[in-house]
Amino acid sequence: MTTIVVLFNLQAGVDESVYRQWAIQTDIPTAGGLASVDSFEVLKAEGVLMSEATPPYQYIEILKINDMEQFGQDVATATMQKVASEFQQFADNPIFIMTSKL
């Protein structure tokens, strides 16, 4: 199983409440409902453990992918292309990291 971790900040000028509403109503149910996705979470960074530092990223997405080939097909659909385009309007240079469990 592949886990994709997405790290990002919101673009300058983006209303955080608008992003959060979109994430809850559109992104999470759409991407989380793909056949290739076992689970999808969006996490809000709240702080750095034992530090007063600001986290380097505001948001973290975690997608558990059961089939990467199917995932490629799933994200190519018109619905997911629309969601991805909308995401790009919110996220400032997101980083998509593919991981595997040790």
PDB file of N, CA and C in Angstrom:
ATOM      1  N   MET A   1       0.840  -1.174   0.000  1.00  0.00           N
ATOM      2  CA  MET A   1       0.000   0.000   0.000  1.00  0.00           C
ATOM      3  C   MET A   1       0.885   1.237   0.000  1.00  0.00           C
ATOM      4  N   THR A   2       0.496   2.220  -0.777  1.00  0.00           N
ATOM      5  CA  THR A   2       1.193   3.496  -0.841  1.00  0.00           C
ATOM      6  C   THR A   2       0.410   4.528  -0.042  1.00  0.00           C
ATOM      7  N   THR A   3       1.127   5.315   0.724  1.00  0.00           N
ATOM      8  CA  THR A   3       0.519   6.454   1.406  1.00  0.00           C
ATOM      9  C   THR A   3       1.085   7.710   0.778  1.00  0.00           C
ATOM     10  N   ILE A   4       0.199   8.600   0.366  1.00  0.00           N
ATOM     11  CA  ILE A   4       0.615   9.883  -0.183  1.00  0.00           C
ATOM     12  C   ILE A   4       0.382  10.932   0.896  1.00  0.00           C
ATOM     13  N   VAL A   5       1.445  11.680   1.196  1.00  0.00           N
ATOM     14  CA  VAL A   5       1.390  12.761   2.170  1.00  0.00           C
ATOM     15  C   VAL A   5       1.535  14.057   1.389  1.00  0.00           C
ATOM     16  N   VAL A   6       0.582  14.958   1.581  1.00  0.00           N
ATOM     17  CA  VAL A   6       0.604  16.241   0.892  1.00  0.00           C
ATOM     18  C   VAL A   6       0.800  17.335   1.935  1.00  0.00           C
ATOM     19  N   LEU A   7       1.830  18.142   1.745  1.00  0.00           N
ATOM     20  CA  LEU A   7       2.131  19.244   2.656  1.00  0.00           C
ATOM     21  C   LEU A   7       1.880  20.552   1.913  1.00  0.00           C
ATOM     22  N   PHE A   8       1.140  21.463   2.562  1.00  0.00           N
ATOM     23  CA  PHE A   8       0.897  22.736   1.881  1.00  0.00           C
ATOM     24  C   PHE A   8       0.454  23.833   2.837  1.00  0.00           C
ATOM     25  N   ASN A   9       0.651  25.040   2.356  1.00  0.00           N
ATOM     26  CA  ASN A   9       0.115  26.244   2.968  1.00  0.00           C
ATOM     27  C   ASN A   9      -0.930  26.800   2.017  1.00  0.00           C
ATOM     28  N   LEU A  10      -1.808  27.597   2.545  1.00  0.00           N
ATOM     29  CA  LEU A  10      -2.776  28.273   1.692  1.00  0.00           C
ATOM     30  C   LEU A  10      -2.089  29.428   0.974  1.00  0.00           C
ATOM     31  N   GLN A  11      -2.552  29.715  -0.230  1.00  0.00           N
ATOM     32  CA  GLN A  11      -2.025  30.849  -0.970  1.00  0.00           C
ATOM     33  C   GLN A  11      -2.382  32.144  -0.246  1.00  0.00           C
ATOM     34  N   ALA A  12      -1.551  33.150  -0.446  1.00  0.00           N
ATOM     35  CA  ALA A  12      -1.817  34.463   0.136  1.00  0.00           C
ATOM     36  C   ALA A  12      -3.190  34.948  -0.336  1.00  0.00           C
ATOM     37  N   GLY A  13      -3.964  35.452   0.589  1.00  0.00           N
ATOM     38  CA  GLY A  13      -5.267  35.996   0.254  1.00  0.00           C
ATOM     39  C   GLY A  13      -6.411  35.005   0.302  1.00  0.00           C
ATOM     40  N   VAL A  14      -6.111  33.721   0.480  1.00  0.00           N
ATOM     41  CA  VAL A  14      -7.172  32.713   0.552  1.00  0.00           C
ATOM     42  C   VAL A  14      -7.833  32.788   1.923  1.00  0.00           C
ATOM     43  N   ASP A  15      -9.144  32.847   1.935  1.00  0.00           N
ATOM     44  CA  ASP A  15      -9.915  32.839   3.178  1.00  0.00           C
ATOM     45  C   ASP A  15      -9.923  31.405   3.710  1.00  0.00           C
ATOM     46  N   GLU A  16      -9.334  31.212   4.884  1.00  0.00           N
ATOM     47  CA  GLU A  16      -9.200  29.873   5.441  1.00  0.00           C
ATOM     48  C   GLU A  16     -10.555  29.200   5.646  1.00  0.00           C
ATOM     49  N   SER A  17     -11.566  29.957   6.019  1.00  0.00           N
ATOM     50  CA  SER A  17     -12.891  29.357   6.233  1.00  0.00           C
ATOM     51  C   SER A  17     -13.487  28.856   4.924  1.00  0.00           C
ATOM     52  N   VAL A  18     -13.212  29.553   3.825  1.00  0.00           N
ATOM     53  CA  VAL A  18     -13.683  29.095   2.505  1.00  0.00           C
ATOM     54  C   VAL A  18     -12.974  27.798   2.129  1.00  0.00           C
ATOM     55  N   TYR A  19     -11.647  27.746   2.356  1.00  0.00           N
ATOM     56  CA  TYR A  19     -10.911  26.513   2.070  1.00  0.00           C
ATOM     57  C   TYR A  19     -11.453  25.356   2.905  1.00  0.00           C
ATOM     58  N   ARG A  20     -11.623  25.579   4.201  1.00  0.00           N
ATOM     59  CA  ARG A  20     -12.076  24.503   5.083  1.00  0.00           C
ATOM     60  C   ARG A  20     -13.450  23.983   4.663  1.00  0.00           C
ATOM     61  N   GLN A  21     -14.347  24.872   4.291  1.00  0.00           N
ATOM     62  CA  GLN A  21     -15.677  24.455   3.831  1.00  0.00           C
ATOM     63  C   GLN A  21     -15.552  23.624   2.556  1.00  0.00           C
ATOM     64  N   TRP A  22     -14.724  24.078   1.620  1.00  0.00           N
ATOM     65  CA  TRP A  22     -14.521  23.332   0.373  1.00  0.00           C
ATOM     66  C   TRP A  22     -13.917  21.956   0.669  1.00  0.00           C
ATOM     67  N   ALA A  23     -12.926  21.907   1.565  1.00  0.00           N
ATOM     68  CA  ALA A  23     -12.282  20.633   1.899  1.00  0.00           C
ATOM     69  C   ALA A  23     -13.297  19.647   2.472  1.00  0.00           C
ATOM     70  N   ILE A  24     -14.140  20.125   3.380  1.00  0.00           N
ATOM     71  CA  ILE A  24     -15.120  19.257   4.040  1.00  0.00           C
ATOM     72  C   ILE A  24     -16.234  18.834   3.092  1.00  0.00           C
ATOM     73  N   GLN A  25     -16.697  19.751   2.267  1.00  0.00           N
ATOM     74  CA  GLN A  25     -17.852  19.461   1.405  1.00  0.00           C
ATOM     75  C   GLN A  25     -17.485  18.854   0.060  1.00  0.00           C
ATOM     76  N   THR A  26     -16.273  19.096  -0.422  1.00  0.00           N
ATOM     77  CA  THR A  26     -15.905  18.648  -1.770  1.00  0.00           C
ATOM     78  C   THR A  26     -14.709  17.701  -1.777  1.00  0.00           C
ATOM     79  N   ASP A  27     -13.583  18.173  -1.278  1.00  0.00           N
ATOM     80  CA  ASP A  27     -12.337  17.417  -1.414  1.00  0.00           C
ATOM     81  C   ASP A  27     -12.371  16.083  -0.672  1.00  0.00           C
ATOM     82  N   ILE A  28     -12.697  16.125   0.593  1.00  0.00           N
ATOM     83  CA  ILE A  28     -12.654  14.894   1.402  1.00  0.00           C
ATOM     84  C   ILE A  28     -13.644  13.845   0.896  1.00  0.00           C
ATOM     85  N   PRO A  29     -14.911  14.200   0.657  1.00  0.00           N
ATOM     86  CA  PRO A  29     -15.819  13.146   0.171  1.00  0.00           C
ATOM     87  C   PRO A  29     -15.502  12.661  -1.245  1.00  0.00           C
ATOM     88  N   THR A  30     -15.024  13.547  -2.108  1.00  0.00           N
ATOM     89  CA  THR A  30     -14.742  13.142  -3.491  1.00  0.00           C
ATOM     90  C   THR A  30     -13.498  12.268  -3.564  1.00  0.00           C
ATOM     91  N   ALA A  31     -12.379  12.778  -3.065  1.00  0.00           N
ATOM     92  CA  ALA A  31     -11.134  12.002  -3.111  1.00  0.00           C
ATOM     93  C   ALA A  31     -11.223  10.779  -2.202  1.00  0.00           C
ATOM     94  N   GLY A  32     -11.845  10.938  -1.053  1.00  0.00           N
ATOM     95  CA  GLY A  32     -11.991   9.812  -0.132  1.00  0.00           C
ATOM     96  C   GLY A  32     -12.914   8.731  -0.657  1.00  0.00           C
ATOM     97  N   GLY A  33     -13.756   9.076  -1.618  1.00  0.00           N
ATOM     98  CA  GLY A  33     -14.691   8.110  -2.190  1.00  0.00           C
ATOM     99  C   GLY A  33     -14.167   7.350  -3.389  1.00  0.00           C
ATOM    100  N   LEU A  34     -12.951   7.642  -3.808  1.00  0.00           N
ATOM    101  CA  LEU A  34     -12.384   6.930  -4.962  1.00  0.00           C
ATOM    102  C   LEU A  34     -12.146   5.461  -4.610  1.00  0.00           C
ATOM    103  N   ALA A  35     -12.351   4.581  -5.568  1.00  0.00           N
ATOM    104  CA  ALA A  35     -12.168   3.141  -5.345  1.00  0.00           C
ATOM    105  C   ALA A  35     -10.739   2.816  -4.910  1.00  0.00           C
ATOM    106  N   SER A  36      -9.775   3.596  -5.371  1.00  0.00           N
ATOM    107  CA  SER A  36      -8.366   3.328  -5.071  1.00  0.00           C
ATOM    108  C   SER A  36      -7.914   3.893  -3.729  1.00  0.00           C
ATOM    109  N   VAL A  37      -8.775   4.639  -3.061  1.00  0.00           N
ATOM    110  CA  VAL A  37      -8.407   5.300  -1.806  1.00  0.00           C
ATOM    111  C   VAL A  37      -9.096   4.601  -0.635  1.00  0.00           C
ATOM    112  N   ASP A  38      -8.291   4.036   0.258  1.00  0.00           N
ATOM    113  CA  ASP A  38      -8.847   3.404   1.463  1.00  0.00           C
ATOM    114  C   ASP A  38      -9.219   4.436   2.511  1.00  0.00           C
ATOM    115  N   SER A  39      -8.424   5.497   2.622  1.00  0.00           N
ATOM    116  CA  SER A  39      -8.760   6.568   3.561  1.00  0.00           C
ATOM    117  C   SER A  39      -8.100   7.861   3.125  1.00  0.00           C
ATOM    118  N   PHE A  40      -8.723   8.966   3.514  1.00  0.00           N
ATOM    119  CA  PHE A  40      -8.229  10.290   3.169  1.00  0.00           C
ATOM    120  C   PHE A  40      -8.533  11.227   4.328  1.00  0.00           C
ATOM    121  N   GLU A  41      -7.485  11.842   4.860  1.00  0.00           N
ATOM    122  CA  GLU A  41      -7.639  12.789   5.953  1.00  0.00           C
ATOM    123  C   GLU A  41      -6.966  14.101   5.583  1.00  0.00           C
ATOM    124  N   VAL A  42      -7.564  15.194   6.041  1.00  0.00           N
ATOM    125  CA  VAL A  42      -6.936  16.498   5.946  1.00  0.00           C
ATOM    126  C   VAL A  42      -6.726  16.966   7.380  1.00  0.00           C
ATOM    127  N   LEU A  43      -5.479  17.275   7.703  1.00  0.00           N
ATOM    128  CA  LEU A  43      -5.118  17.675   9.062  1.00  0.00           C
ATOM    129  C   LEU A  43      -4.653  19.125   9.065  1.00  0.00           C
ATOM    130  N   LYS A  44      -5.030  19.867  10.093  1.00  0.00           N
ATOM    131  CA  LYS A  44      -4.590  21.254  10.287  1.00  0.00           C
ATOM    132  C   LYS A  44      -3.447  21.242  11.291  1.00  0.00           C
ATOM    133  N   ALA A  45      -2.288  21.766  10.906  1.00  0.00           N
ATOM    134  CA  ALA A  45      -1.147  21.842  11.818  1.00  0.00           C
ATOM    135  C   ALA A  45      -1.468  22.845  12.921  1.00  0.00           C
ATOM    136  N   GLU A  46      -1.225  22.431  14.149  1.00  0.00           N
ATOM    137  CA  GLU A  46      -1.548  23.273  15.299  1.00  0.00           C
ATOM    138  C   GLU A  46      -0.316  23.803  16.012  1.00  0.00           C
ATOM    139  N   GLY A  47       0.832  23.211  15.779  1.00  0.00           N
ATOM    140  CA  GLY A  47       2.046  23.669  16.442  1.00  0.00           C
ATOM    141  C   GLY A  47       3.166  22.675  16.234  1.00  0.00           C
ATOM    142  N   VAL A  48       4.331  23.031  16.749  1.00  0.00           N
ATOM    143  CA  VAL A  48       5.504  22.164  16.722  1.00  0.00           C
ATOM    144  C   VAL A  48       5.713  21.669  18.147  1.00  0.00           C
ATOM    145  N   LEU A  49       5.781  20.373  18.325  1.00  0.00           N
ATOM    146  CA  LEU A  49       5.894  19.772  19.644  1.00  0.00           C
ATOM    147  C   LEU A  49       7.052  20.370  20.438  1.00  0.00           C
ATOM    148  N   MET A  50       6.736  20.763  21.662  1.00  0.00           N
ATOM    149  CA  MET A  50       7.722  21.302  22.606  1.00  0.00           C
ATOM    150  C   MET A  50       8.476  22.514  22.045  1.00  0.00           C
ATOM    151  N   SER A  51       7.755  23.348  21.308  1.00  0.00           N
ATOM    152  CA  SER A  51       8.374  24.508  20.681  1.00  0.00           C
ATOM    153  C   SER A  51       7.329  25.607  20.502  1.00  0.00           C
ATOM    154  N   GLU A  52       7.779  26.809  20.412  1.00  0.00           N
ATOM    155  CA  GLU A  52       6.912  27.941  20.089  1.00  0.00           C
ATOM    156  C   GLU A  52       6.948  28.245  18.593  1.00  0.00           C
ATOM    157  N   ALA A  53       7.725  27.460  17.850  1.00  0.00           N
ATOM    158  CA  ALA A  53       7.882  27.703  16.414  1.00  0.00           C
ATOM    159  C   ALA A  53       6.571  27.471  15.671  1.00  0.00           C
ATOM    160  N   THR A  54       6.416  28.178  14.589  1.00  0.00           N
ATOM    161  CA  THR A  54       5.269  27.985  13.707  1.00  0.00           C
ATOM    162  C   THR A  54       5.552  26.785  12.808  1.00  0.00           C
ATOM    163  N   PRO A  55       4.584  25.862  12.639  1.00  0.00           N
ATOM    164  CA  PRO A  55       4.814  24.731  11.740  1.00  0.00           C
ATOM    165  C   PRO A  55       5.128  25.227  10.326  1.00  0.00           C
ATOM    166  N   PRO A  56       5.978  24.513   9.603  1.00  0.00           N
ATOM    167  CA  PRO A  56       6.330  24.950   8.255  1.00  0.00           C
ATOM    168  C   PRO A  56       5.180  24.812   7.252  1.00  0.00           C
ATOM    169  N   TYR A  57       4.195  23.989   7.583  1.00  0.00           N
ATOM    170  CA  TYR A  57       3.033  23.811   6.718  1.00  0.00           C
ATOM    171  C   TYR A  57       1.758  23.943   7.546  1.00  0.00           C
ATOM    172  N   GLN A  58       0.737  24.558   6.945  1.00  0.00           N
ATOM    173  CA  GLN A  58      -0.545  24.733   7.621  1.00  0.00           C
ATOM    174  C   GLN A  58      -1.390  23.463   7.572  1.00  0.00           C
ATOM    175  N   TYR A  59      -1.286  22.716   6.476  1.00  0.00           N
ATOM    176  CA  TYR A  59      -2.152  21.552   6.270  1.00  0.00           C
ATOM    177  C   TYR A  59      -1.355  20.352   5.798  1.00  0.00           C
ATOM    178  N   ILE A  60      -1.858  19.185   6.165  1.00  0.00           N
ATOM    179  CA  ILE A  60      -1.287  17.905   5.767  1.00  0.00           C
ATOM    180  C   ILE A  60      -2.444  17.018   5.307  1.00  0.00           C
ATOM    181  N   GLU A  61      -2.323  16.462   4.130  1.00  0.00           N
ATOM    182  CA  GLU A  61      -3.291  15.470   3.664  1.00  0.00           C
ATOM    183  C   GLU A  61      -2.614  14.108   3.693  1.00  0.00           C
ATOM    184  N   ILE A  62      -3.370  13.083   4.091  1.00  0.00           N
ATOM    185  CA  ILE A  62      -2.858  11.722   4.109  1.00  0.00           C
ATOM    186  C   ILE A  62      -3.838  10.840   3.352  1.00  0.00           C
ATOM    187  N   LEU A  63      -3.366  10.277   2.245  1.00  0.00           N
ATOM    188  CA  LEU A  63      -4.183   9.386   1.419  1.00  0.00           C
ATOM    189  C   LEU A  63      -3.579   7.988   1.452  1.00  0.00           C
ATOM    190  N   LYS A  64      -4.364   7.004   1.844  1.00  0.00           N
ATOM    191  CA  LYS A  64      -3.945   5.598   1.823  1.00  0.00           C
ATOM    192  C   LYS A  64      -4.472   5.002   0.525  1.00  0.00           C
ATOM    193  N   ILE A  65      -3.544   4.654  -0.364  1.00  0.00           N
ATOM    194  CA  ILE A  65      -3.889   4.178  -1.703  1.00  0.00           C
ATOM    195  C   ILE A  65      -3.743   2.661  -1.768  1.00  0.00           C
ATOM    196  N   ASN A  66      -4.807   1.971  -2.176  1.00  0.00           N
ATOM    197  CA  ASN A  66      -4.755   0.511  -2.259  1.00  0.00           C
ATOM    198  C   ASN A  66      -4.278   0.002  -3.618  1.00  0.00           C
ATOM    199  N   ASP A  67      -4.305   0.871  -4.646  1.00  0.00           N
ATOM    200  CA  ASP A  67      -3.913   0.448  -5.995  1.00  0.00           C
ATOM    201  C   ASP A  67      -3.469   1.695  -6.763  1.00  0.00           C
ATOM    202  N   MET A  68      -2.177   1.876  -6.941  1.00  0.00           N
ATOM    203  CA  MET A  68      -1.661   3.079  -7.599  1.00  0.00           C
ATOM    204  C   MET A  68      -2.080   3.170  -9.065  1.00  0.00           C
ATOM    205  N   GLU A  69      -2.171   2.036  -9.734  1.00  0.00           N
ATOM    206  CA  GLU A  69      -2.609   2.064 -11.137  1.00  0.00           C
ATOM    207  C   GLU A  69      -4.051   2.564 -11.217  1.00  0.00           C
ATOM    208  N   GLN A  70      -4.905   2.037 -10.357  1.00  0.00           N
ATOM    209  CA  GLN A  70      -6.296   2.480 -10.320  1.00  0.00           C
ATOM    210  C   GLN A  70      -6.380   3.945  -9.898  1.00  0.00           C
ATOM    211  N   PHE A  71      -5.527   4.352  -8.966  1.00  0.00           N
ATOM    212  CA  PHE A  71      -5.507   5.736  -8.513  1.00  0.00           C
ATOM    213  C   PHE A  71      -5.233   6.676  -9.694  1.00  0.00           C
ATOM    214  N   GLY A  72      -4.278   6.299 -10.541  1.00  0.00           N
ATOM    215  CA  GLY A  72      -3.983   7.097 -11.735  1.00  0.00           C
ATOM    216  C   GLY A  72      -5.214   7.258 -12.618  1.00  0.00           C
ATOM    217  N   GLN A  73      -5.982   6.190 -12.754  1.00  0.00           N
ATOM    218  CA  GLN A  73      -7.211   6.253 -13.547  1.00  0.00           C
ATOM    219  C   GLN A  73      -8.269   7.101 -12.840  1.00  0.00           C
ATOM    220  N   ASP A  74      -8.366   6.933 -11.520  1.00  0.00           N
ATOM    221  CA  ASP A  74      -9.365   7.675 -10.746  1.00  0.00           C
ATOM    222  C   ASP A  74      -9.135   9.182 -10.814  1.00  0.00           C
ATOM    223  N   VAL A  75      -7.877   9.602 -10.694  1.00  0.00           N
ATOM    224  CA  VAL A  75      -7.608  11.039 -10.680  1.00  0.00           C
ATOM    225  C   VAL A  75      -7.681  11.659 -12.076  1.00  0.00           C
ATOM    226  N   ALA A  76      -7.752  10.833 -13.106  1.00  0.00           N
ATOM    227  CA  ALA A  76      -7.862  11.331 -14.472  1.00  0.00           C
ATOM    228  C   ALA A  76      -9.303  11.649 -14.869  1.00  0.00           C
ATOM    229  N   THR A  77     -10.269  11.300 -14.020  1.00  0.00           N
ATOM    230  CA  THR A  77     -11.673  11.564 -14.350  1.00  0.00           C
ATOM    231  C   THR A  77     -11.949  13.060 -14.340  1.00  0.00           C
ATOM    232  N   ALA A  78     -12.997  13.466 -15.046  1.00  0.00           N
ATOM    233  CA  ALA A  78     -13.377  14.882 -15.104  1.00  0.00           C
ATOM    234  C   ALA A  78     -13.691  15.425 -13.711  1.00  0.00           C
ATOM    235  N   THR A  79     -14.342  14.621 -12.884  1.00  0.00           N
ATOM    236  CA  THR A  79     -14.684  15.068 -11.533  1.00  0.00           C
ATOM    237  C   THR A  79     -13.435  15.366 -10.727  1.00  0.00           C
ATOM    238  N   MET A  80     -12.464  14.458 -10.754  1.00  0.00           N
ATOM    239  CA  MET A  80     -11.247  14.671  -9.978  1.00  0.00           C
ATOM    240  C   MET A  80     -10.373  15.762 -10.586  1.00  0.00           C
ATOM    241  N   GLN A  81     -10.414  15.919 -11.882  1.00  0.00           N
ATOM    242  CA  GLN A  81      -9.660  17.012 -12.498  1.00  0.00           C
ATOM    243  C   GLN A  81     -10.215  18.366 -12.037  1.00  0.00           C
ATOM    244  N   LYS A  82     -11.538  18.445 -11.881  1.00  0.00           N
ATOM    245  CA  LYS A  82     -12.172  19.671 -11.375  1.00  0.00           C
ATOM    246  C   LYS A  82     -11.753  19.917  -9.929  1.00  0.00           C
ATOM    247  N   VAL A  83     -11.772  18.860  -9.103  1.00  0.00           N
ATOM    248  CA  VAL A  83     -11.366  18.982  -7.701  1.00  0.00           C
ATOM    249  C   VAL A  83      -9.893  19.392  -7.616  1.00  0.00           C
ATOM    250  N   ALA A  84      -9.046  18.791  -8.431  1.00  0.00           N
ATOM    251  CA  ALA A  84      -7.616  19.114  -8.426  1.00  0.00           C
ATOM    252  C   ALA A  84      -7.390  20.570  -8.835  1.00  0.00           C
ATOM    253  N   SER A  85      -8.134  21.030  -9.812  1.00  0.00           N
ATOM    254  CA  SER A  85      -8.026  22.421 -10.252  1.00  0.00           C
ATOM    255  C   SER A  85      -8.448  23.377  -9.137  1.00  0.00           C
ATOM    256  N   GLU A  86      -9.513  23.041  -8.455  1.00  0.00           N
ATOM    257  CA  GLU A  86      -9.977  23.862  -7.328  1.00  0.00           C
ATOM    258  C   GLU A  86      -8.938  23.859  -6.208  1.00  0.00           C
ATOM    259  N   PHE A  87      -8.359  22.689  -5.935  1.00  0.00           N
ATOM    260  CA  PHE A  87      -7.326  22.581  -4.902  1.00  0.00           C
ATOM    261  C   PHE A  87      -6.156  23.521  -5.213  1.00  0.00           C
ATOM    262  N   GLN A  88      -5.757  23.576  -6.476  1.00  0.00           N
ATOM    263  CA  GLN A  88      -4.639  24.426  -6.879  1.00  0.00           C
ATOM    264  C   GLN A  88      -4.936  25.909  -6.639  1.00  0.00           C
ATOM    265  N   GLN A  89      -6.216  26.279  -6.590  1.00  0.00           N
ATOM    266  CA  GLN A  89      -6.582  27.663  -6.302  1.00  0.00           C
ATOM    267  C   GLN A  89      -6.385  28.001  -4.824  1.00  0.00           C
ATOM    268  N   PHE A  90      -6.380  26.985  -3.975  1.00  0.00           N
ATOM    269  CA  PHE A  90      -6.204  27.174  -2.535  1.00  0.00           C
ATOM    270  C   PHE A  90      -4.755  26.974  -2.085  1.00  0.00           C
ATOM    271  N   ALA A  91      -4.113  25.926  -2.585  1.00  0.00           N
ATOM    272  CA  ALA A  91      -2.806  25.487  -2.068  1.00  0.00           C
ATOM    273  C   ALA A  91      -1.655  26.192  -2.775  1.00  0.00           C
ATOM    274  N   ASP A  92      -0.683  26.627  -1.981  1.00  0.00           N
ATOM    275  CA  ASP A  92       0.504  27.289  -2.494  1.00  0.00           C
ATOM    276  C   ASP A  92       1.626  26.265  -2.635  1.00  0.00           C
ATOM    277  N   ASN A  93       1.867  25.834  -3.869  1.00  0.00           N
ATOM    278  CA  ASN A  93       2.965  24.912  -4.170  1.00  0.00           C
ATOM    279  C   ASN A  93       2.962  23.669  -3.274  1.00  0.00           C
ATOM    280  N   PRO A  94       1.886  22.878  -3.315  1.00  0.00           N
ATOM    281  CA  PRO A  94       1.825  21.679  -2.473  1.00  0.00           C
ATOM    282  C   PRO A  94       2.893  20.660  -2.849  1.00  0.00           C
ATOM    283  N   ILE A  95       3.348  19.925  -1.839  1.00  0.00           N
ATOM    284  CA  ILE A  95       4.347  18.874  -2.034  1.00  0.00           C
ATOM    285  C   ILE A  95       3.647  17.532  -1.833  1.00  0.00           C
ATOM    286  N   PHE A  96       3.707  16.656  -2.826  1.00  0.00           N
ATOM    287  CA  PHE A  96       3.088  15.328  -2.785  1.00  0.00           C
ATOM    288  C   PHE A  96       4.203  14.305  -2.585  1.00  0.00           C
ATOM    289  N   ILE A  97       4.191  13.635  -1.430  1.00  0.00           N
ATOM    290  CA  ILE A  97       5.245  12.673  -1.097  1.00  0.00           C
ATOM    291  C   ILE A  97       4.655  11.274  -1.089  1.00  0.00           C
ATOM    292  N   MET A  98       5.191  10.384  -1.909  1.00  0.00           N
ATOM    293  CA  MET A  98       4.757   8.992  -1.916  1.00  0.00           C
ATOM    294  C   MET A  98       5.579   8.239  -0.907  1.00  0.00           C
ATOM    295  N   THR A  99       4.911   7.464  -0.058  1.00  0.00           N
ATOM    296  CA  THR A  99       5.606   6.726   0.994  1.00  0.00           C
ATOM    297  C   THR A  99       5.165   5.269   1.011  1.00  0.00           C
ATOM    298  N   SER A 100       5.962   4.446   1.657  1.00  0.00           N
ATOM    299  CA  SER A 100       5.585   3.054   1.896  1.00  0.00           C
ATOM    300  C   SER A 100       5.910   2.728   3.349  1.00  0.00           C
ATOM    301  N   LYS A 101       5.183   1.804   3.904  1.00  0.00           N
ATOM    302  CA  LYS A 101       5.357   1.414   5.296  1.00  0.00           C
ATOM    303  C   LYS A 101       6.590   0.522   5.451  1.00  0.00           C
ATOM    304  N   LEU A 102       7.346   0.739   6.512  1.00  0.00           N
ATOM    305  CA  LEU A 102       8.521  -0.096   6.780  1.00  0.00           C
ATOM    306  C   LEU A 102       8.107  -1.467   7.286  1.00  0.00           C
TER     307      LEU A 102
END
